């Protein structure tokens, strides 16, 4: 897939654990793990909005297009 999820990078920059982010966003750690690994086929805008609010970032900080991916 050409879309690369950079959620791990933002978590490290914000010094936040996956567990803490999942709690703030209101999703399970398992779903967050699937999102981080890129194994999901889509993400709801409401979830993306909550993640961006919790990490104080833009959607482009979390998602990247890599045509060779």
PDB file of N, CA and C in Angstrom:
ATOM      1  N   UNK A   1       0.848  -1.180   0.000  1.00  0.00           N
ATOM      2  CA  UNK A   1       0.000   0.000   0.000  1.00  0.00           C
ATOM      3  C   UNK A   1       0.892   1.241   0.000  1.00  0.00           C
ATOM      4  N   UNK A   2       0.462   2.258  -0.672  1.00  0.00           N
ATOM      5  CA  UNK A   2       1.260   3.467  -0.823  1.00  0.00           C
ATOM      6  C   UNK A   2       1.126   4.444   0.339  1.00  0.00           C
ATOM      7  N   UNK A   3       0.182   4.216   1.252  1.00  0.00           N
ATOM      8  CA  UNK A   3       0.010   5.097   2.411  1.00  0.00           C
ATOM      9  C   UNK A   3       0.771   4.493   3.586  1.00  0.00           C
ATOM     10  N   UNK A   4       1.677   5.280   4.154  1.00  0.00           N
ATOM     11  CA  UNK A   4       2.491   4.843   5.285  1.00  0.00           C
ATOM     12  C   UNK A   4       2.022   5.591   6.527  1.00  0.00           C
ATOM     13  N   UNK A   5       1.776   4.845   7.606  1.00  0.00           N
ATOM     14  CA  UNK A   5       1.326   5.438   8.866  1.00  0.00           C
ATOM     15  C   UNK A   5       2.547   5.726   9.723  1.00  0.00           C
ATOM     16  N   UNK A   6       2.708   6.982  10.139  1.00  0.00           N
ATOM     17  CA  UNK A   6       3.859   7.426  10.937  1.00  0.00           C
ATOM     18  C   UNK A   6       3.454   7.725  12.384  1.00  0.00           C
ATOM     19  N   UNK A   7       2.496   6.981  12.893  1.00  0.00           N
ATOM     20  CA  UNK A   7       1.994   7.215  14.239  1.00  0.00           C
ATOM     21  C   UNK A   7       3.071   6.973  15.298  1.00  0.00           C
ATOM     22  N   UNK A   8       3.905   5.966  15.098  1.00  0.00           N
ATOM     23  CA  UNK A   8       4.992   5.688  16.046  1.00  0.00           C
ATOM     24  C   UNK A   8       5.932   6.881  16.198  1.00  0.00           C
ATOM     25  N   UNK A   9       6.194   7.549  15.096  1.00  0.00           N
ATOM     26  CA  UNK A   9       7.088   8.711  15.124  1.00  0.00           C
ATOM     27  C   UNK A   9       6.507   9.815  15.998  1.00  0.00           C
ATOM     28  N   UNK A  10       5.212  10.094  15.815  1.00  0.00           N
ATOM     29  CA  UNK A  10       4.572  11.152  16.605  1.00  0.00           C
ATOM     30  C   UNK A  10       4.455  10.768  18.075  1.00  0.00           C
ATOM     31  N   UNK A  11       4.200   9.495  18.345  1.00  0.00           N
ATOM     32  CA  UNK A  11       4.150   9.054  19.734  1.00  0.00           C
ATOM     33  C   UNK A  11       5.506   9.272  20.404  1.00  0.00           C
ATOM     34  N   UNK A  12       6.580   8.943  19.702  1.00  0.00           N
ATOM     35  CA  UNK A  12       7.924   9.137  20.258  1.00  0.00           C
ATOM     36  C   UNK A  12       8.222  10.617  20.461  1.00  0.00           C
ATOM     37  N   UNK A  13       7.852  11.441  19.497  1.00  0.00           N
ATOM     38  CA  UNK A  13       8.100  12.884  19.619  1.00  0.00           C
ATOM     39  C   UNK A  13       7.348  13.489  20.799  1.00  0.00           C
ATOM     40  N   UNK A  14       6.154  12.986  21.047  1.00  0.00           N
ATOM     41  CA  UNK A  14       5.327  13.512  22.143  1.00  0.00           C
ATOM     42  C   UNK A  14       5.559  12.767  23.454  1.00  0.00           C
ATOM     43  N   UNK A  15       6.456  11.765  23.406  1.00  0.00           N
ATOM     44  CA  UNK A  15       6.767  10.949  24.596  1.00  0.00           C
ATOM     45  C   UNK A  15       5.486  10.399  25.226  1.00  0.00           C
ATOM     46  N   UNK A  16       4.659   9.820  24.366  1.00  0.00           N
ATOM     47  CA  UNK A  16       3.382   9.269  24.806  1.00  0.00           C
ATOM     48  C   UNK A  16       3.346   7.778  24.461  1.00  0.00           C
ATOM     49  N   UNK A  17       2.755   6.995  25.324  1.00  0.00           N
ATOM     50  CA  UNK A  17       2.619   5.566  25.059  1.00  0.00           C
ATOM     51  C   UNK A  17       1.372   5.305  24.219  1.00  0.00           C
ATOM     52  N   UNK A  18       1.368   4.164  23.589  1.00  0.00           N
ATOM     53  CA  UNK A  18       0.191   3.755  22.823  1.00  0.00           C
ATOM     54  C   UNK A  18      -1.014   3.615  23.739  1.00  0.00           C
ATOM     55  N   UNK A  19      -0.786   3.103  24.923  1.00  0.00           N
ATOM     56  CA  UNK A  19      -1.882   2.926  25.885  1.00  0.00           C
ATOM     57  C   UNK A  19      -2.507   4.277  26.238  1.00  0.00           C
ATOM     58  N   UNK A  20      -1.672   5.280  26.506  1.00  0.00           N
ATOM     59  CA  UNK A  20      -2.173   6.606  26.864  1.00  0.00           C
ATOM     60  C   UNK A  20      -2.961   7.219  25.706  1.00  0.00           C
ATOM     61  N   UNK A  21      -2.436   7.057  24.492  1.00  0.00           N
ATOM     62  CA  UNK A  21      -3.131   7.612  23.326  1.00  0.00           C
ATOM     63  C   UNK A  21      -4.470   6.907  23.127  1.00  0.00           C
ATOM     64  N   UNK A  22      -4.485   5.602  23.236  1.00  0.00           N
ATOM     65  CA  UNK A  22      -5.731   4.851  23.064  1.00  0.00           C
ATOM     66  C   UNK A  22      -6.775   5.316  24.073  1.00  0.00           C
ATOM     67  N   UNK A  23      -6.366   5.533  25.315  1.00  0.00           N
ATOM     68  CA  UNK A  23      -7.296   6.004  26.336  1.00  0.00           C
ATOM     69  C   UNK A  23      -7.833   7.392  26.007  1.00  0.00           C
ATOM     70  N   UNK A  24      -6.955   8.281  25.569  1.00  0.00           N
ATOM     71  CA  UNK A  24      -7.384   9.650  25.240  1.00  0.00           C
ATOM     72  C   UNK A  24      -8.328   9.683  24.044  1.00  0.00           C
ATOM     73  N   UNK A  25      -8.050   8.816  23.072  1.00  0.00           N
ATOM     74  CA  UNK A  25      -8.838   8.809  21.842  1.00  0.00           C
ATOM     75  C   UNK A  25     -10.133   8.028  22.012  1.00  0.00           C
ATOM     76  N   UNK A  26     -10.135   7.063  22.916  1.00  0.00           N
ATOM     77  CA  UNK A  26     -11.327   6.260  23.127  1.00  0.00           C
ATOM     78  C   UNK A  26     -11.412   5.048  22.228  1.00  0.00           C
ATOM     79  N   UNK A  27     -10.256   4.488  21.860  1.00  0.00           N
ATOM     80  CA  UNK A  27     -10.220   3.259  21.077  1.00  0.00           C
ATOM     81  C   UNK A  27      -9.388   2.234  21.845  1.00  0.00           C
ATOM     82  N   UNK A  28      -9.483   0.987  21.436  1.00  0.00           N
ATOM     83  CA  UNK A  28      -8.720  -0.052  22.114  1.00  0.00           C
ATOM     84  C   UNK A  28      -7.256  -0.004  21.680  1.00  0.00           C
ATOM     85  N   UNK A  29      -6.397  -0.514  22.539  1.00  0.00           N
ATOM     86  CA  UNK A  29      -4.974  -0.594  22.174  1.00  0.00           C
ATOM     87  C   UNK A  29      -4.787  -1.482  20.954  1.00  0.00           C
ATOM     88  N   UNK A  30      -5.610  -2.522  20.837  1.00  0.00           N
ATOM     89  CA  UNK A  30      -5.513  -3.421  19.693  1.00  0.00           C
ATOM     90  C   UNK A  30      -5.822  -2.677  18.398  1.00  0.00           C
ATOM     91  N   UNK A  31      -6.870  -1.863  18.398  1.00  0.00           N
ATOM     92  CA  UNK A  31      -7.195  -1.088  17.197  1.00  0.00           C
ATOM     93  C   UNK A  31      -6.111  -0.066  16.884  1.00  0.00           C
ATOM     94  N   UNK A  32      -5.548   0.544  17.909  1.00  0.00           N
ATOM     95  CA  UNK A  32      -4.460   1.487  17.695  1.00  0.00           C
ATOM     96  C   UNK A  32      -3.243   0.770  17.114  1.00  0.00           C
ATOM     97  N   UNK A  33      -2.968  -0.428  17.604  1.00  0.00           N
ATOM     98  CA  UNK A  33      -1.858  -1.217  17.090  1.00  0.00           C
ATOM     99  C   UNK A  33      -2.061  -1.562  15.616  1.00  0.00           C
ATOM    100  N   UNK A  34      -3.279  -1.917  15.247  1.00  0.00           N
ATOM    101  CA  UNK A  34      -3.572  -2.202  13.843  1.00  0.00           C
ATOM    102  C   UNK A  34      -3.377  -0.963  12.983  1.00  0.00           C
ATOM    103  N   UNK A  35      -3.786   0.177  13.501  1.00  0.00           N
ATOM    104  CA  UNK A  35      -3.609   1.430  12.778  1.00  0.00           C
ATOM    105  C   UNK A  35      -2.121   1.746  12.611  1.00  0.00           C
ATOM    106  N   UNK A  36      -1.350   1.596  13.695  1.00  0.00           N
ATOM    107  CA  UNK A  36       0.085   1.878  13.636  1.00  0.00           C
ATOM    108  C   UNK A  36       0.805   0.986  12.622  1.00  0.00           C
ATOM    109  N   UNK A  37       0.361  -0.249  12.515  1.00  0.00           N
ATOM    110  CA  UNK A  37       1.019  -1.191  11.607  1.00  0.00           C
ATOM    111  C   UNK A  37       0.550  -1.040  10.163  1.00  0.00           C
ATOM    112  N   UNK A  38      -0.476  -0.226   9.948  1.00  0.00           N
ATOM    113  CA  UNK A  38      -0.984  -0.025   8.597  1.00  0.00           C
ATOM    114  C   UNK A  38      -1.869  -1.154   8.124  1.00  0.00           C
ATOM    115  N   UNK A  39      -2.351  -1.989   9.037  1.00  0.00           N
ATOM    116  CA  UNK A  39      -3.165  -3.138   8.666  1.00  0.00           C
ATOM    117  C   UNK A  39      -4.657  -2.835   8.601  1.00  0.00           C
ATOM    118  N   UNK A  40      -5.020  -1.574   8.668  1.00  0.00           N
ATOM    119  CA  UNK A  40      -6.427  -1.204   8.531  1.00  0.00           C
ATOM    120  C   UNK A  40      -6.666  -0.662   7.130  1.00  0.00           C
ATOM    121  N   UNK A  41      -7.880  -0.799   6.663  1.00  0.00           N
ATOM    122  CA  UNK A  41      -8.202  -0.322   5.319  1.00  0.00           C
ATOM    123  C   UNK A  41      -8.735   1.102   5.329  1.00  0.00           C
ATOM    124  N   UNK A  42      -9.036   1.611   6.512  1.00  0.00           N
ATOM    125  CA  UNK A  42      -9.549   2.963   6.611  1.00  0.00           C
ATOM    126  C   UNK A  42      -9.537   3.438   8.046  1.00  0.00           C
ATOM    127  N   UNK A  43      -9.672   4.734   8.203  1.00  0.00           N
ATOM    128  CA  UNK A  43      -9.760   5.325   9.533  1.00  0.00           C
ATOM    129  C   UNK A  43     -10.839   6.397   9.494  1.00  0.00           C
ATOM    130  N   UNK A  44     -11.674   6.417  10.507  1.00  0.00           N
ATOM    131  CA  UNK A  44     -12.741   7.422  10.564  1.00  0.00           C
ATOM    132  C   UNK A  44     -12.131   8.801  10.815  1.00  0.00           C
ATOM    133  N   UNK A  45     -12.732   9.805  10.209  1.00  0.00           N
ATOM    134  CA  UNK A  45     -12.258  11.163  10.429  1.00  0.00           C
ATOM    135  C   UNK A  45     -12.345  11.542  11.899  1.00  0.00           C
ATOM    136  N   UNK A  46     -13.368  11.063  12.589  1.00  0.00           N
ATOM    137  CA  UNK A  46     -13.498  11.371  14.021  1.00  0.00           C
ATOM    138  C   UNK A  46     -12.327  10.804  14.809  1.00  0.00           C
ATOM    139  N   UNK A  47     -11.869   9.609  14.441  1.00  0.00           N
ATOM    140  CA  UNK A  47     -10.718   9.001  15.106  1.00  0.00           C
ATOM    141  C   UNK A  47      -9.449   9.764  14.770  1.00  0.00           C
ATOM    142  N   UNK A  48      -9.276  10.106  13.510  1.00  0.00           N
ATOM    143  CA  UNK A  48      -8.108  10.875  13.096  1.00  0.00           C
ATOM    144  C   UNK A  48      -8.087  12.231  13.790  1.00  0.00           C
ATOM    145  N   UNK A  49      -9.244  12.856  13.899  1.00  0.00           N
ATOM    146  CA  UNK A  49      -9.365  14.139  14.590  1.00  0.00           C
ATOM    147  C   UNK A  49      -8.942  14.003  16.048  1.00  0.00           C
ATOM    148  N   UNK A  50      -9.405  12.960  16.721  1.00  0.00           N
ATOM    149  CA  UNK A  50      -9.062  12.748  18.129  1.00  0.00           C
ATOM    150  C   UNK A  50      -7.576  12.464  18.314  1.00  0.00           C
ATOM    151  N   UNK A  51      -6.986  11.700  17.395  1.00  0.00           N
ATOM    152  CA  UNK A  51      -5.554  11.411  17.472  1.00  0.00           C
ATOM    153  C   UNK A  51      -4.753  12.697  17.283  1.00  0.00           C
ATOM    154  N   UNK A  52      -5.129  13.493  16.296  1.00  0.00           N
ATOM    155  CA  UNK A  52      -4.419  14.751  16.045  1.00  0.00           C
ATOM    156  C   UNK A  52      -4.549  15.700  17.237  1.00  0.00           C
ATOM    157  N   UNK A  53      -5.714  15.734  17.858  1.00  0.00           N
ATOM    158  CA  UNK A  53      -5.910  16.592  19.033  1.00  0.00           C
ATOM    159  C   UNK A  53      -5.038  16.113  20.189  1.00  0.00           C
ATOM    160  N   UNK A  54      -4.994  14.809  20.409  1.00  0.00           N
ATOM    161  CA  UNK A  54      -4.216  14.261  21.519  1.00  0.00           C
ATOM    162  C   UNK A  54      -2.714  14.447  21.317  1.00  0.00           C
ATOM    163  N   UNK A  55      -2.263  14.362  20.056  1.00  0.00           N
ATOM    164  CA  UNK A  55      -0.835  14.480  19.765  1.00  0.00           C
ATOM    165  C   UNK A  55      -0.436  15.891  19.335  1.00  0.00           C
ATOM    166  N   UNK A  56      -1.415  16.798  19.240  1.00  0.00           N
ATOM    167  CA  UNK A  56      -1.173  18.166  18.795  1.00  0.00           C
ATOM    168  C   UNK A  56      -0.397  18.164  17.477  1.00  0.00           C
ATOM    169  N   UNK A  57      -1.001  17.534  16.467  1.00  0.00           N
ATOM    170  CA  UNK A  57      -0.341  17.426  15.170  1.00  0.00           C
ATOM    171  C   UNK A  57      -1.372  17.545  14.052  1.00  0.00           C
ATOM    172  N   UNK A  58      -0.907  17.497  12.838  1.00  0.00           N
ATOM    173  CA  UNK A  58      -1.744  17.543  11.648  1.00  0.00           C
ATOM    174  C   UNK A  58      -1.850  16.133  11.060  1.00  0.00           C
ATOM    175  N   UNK A  59      -2.920  15.838  10.302  1.00  0.00           N
ATOM    176  CA  UNK A  59      -3.032  14.519   9.682  1.00  0.00           C
ATOM    177  C   UNK A  59      -1.809  14.163   8.833  1.00  0.00           C
ATOM    178  N   UNK A  60      -1.226  15.153   8.181  1.00  0.00           N
ATOM    179  CA  UNK A  60      -0.034  14.921   7.364  1.00  0.00           C
ATOM    180  C   UNK A  60       1.183  14.508   8.164  1.00  0.00           C
ATOM    181  N   UNK A  61       1.166  14.752   9.480  1.00  0.00           N
ATOM    182  CA  UNK A  61       2.250  14.286  10.335  1.00  0.00           C
ATOM    183  C   UNK A  61       2.132  12.789  10.603  1.00  0.00           C
ATOM    184  N   UNK A  62       0.944  12.250  10.390  1.00  0.00           N
ATOM    185  CA  UNK A  62       0.681  10.844  10.705  1.00  0.00           C
ATOM    186  C   UNK A  62       0.639   9.947   9.479  1.00  0.00           C
ATOM    187  N   UNK A  63       0.276  10.528   8.332  1.00  0.00           N
ATOM    188  CA  UNK A  63       0.115   9.748   7.114  1.00  0.00           C
ATOM    189  C   UNK A  63       1.022  10.299   6.031  1.00  0.00           C
ATOM    190  N   UNK A  64       1.634   9.382   5.286  1.00  0.00           N
ATOM    191  CA  UNK A  64       2.542   9.775   4.208  1.00  0.00           C
ATOM    192  C   UNK A  64       2.266   8.921   2.989  1.00  0.00           C
ATOM    193  N   UNK A  65       2.356   9.530   1.830  1.00  0.00           N
ATOM    194  CA  UNK A  65       2.180   8.799   0.571  1.00  0.00           C
ATOM    195  C   UNK A  65       3.544   8.400   0.033  1.00  0.00           C
ATOM    196  N   UNK A  66       3.751   7.095  -0.160  1.00  0.00           N
ATOM    197  CA  UNK A  66       5.007   6.570  -0.701  1.00  0.00           C
ATOM    198  C   UNK A  66       4.661   5.699  -1.902  1.00  0.00           C
ATOM    199  N   UNK A  67       4.800   6.245  -3.111  1.00  0.00           N
ATOM    200  CA  UNK A  67       4.394   5.490  -4.296  1.00  0.00           C
ATOM    201  C   UNK A  67       5.148   4.181  -4.478  1.00  0.00           C
ATOM    202  N   UNK A  68       6.315   4.053  -3.875  1.00  0.00           N
ATOM    203  CA  UNK A  68       7.087   2.824  -3.986  1.00  0.00           C
ATOM    204  C   UNK A  68       6.760   1.831  -2.897  1.00  0.00           C
ATOM    205  N   UNK A  69       5.893   2.251  -1.948  1.00  0.00           N
ATOM    206  CA  UNK A  69       5.542   1.400  -0.815  1.00  0.00           C
ATOM    207  C   UNK A  69       4.685   0.312  -1.238  1.00  0.00           C
TER     208      UNK A  69
END
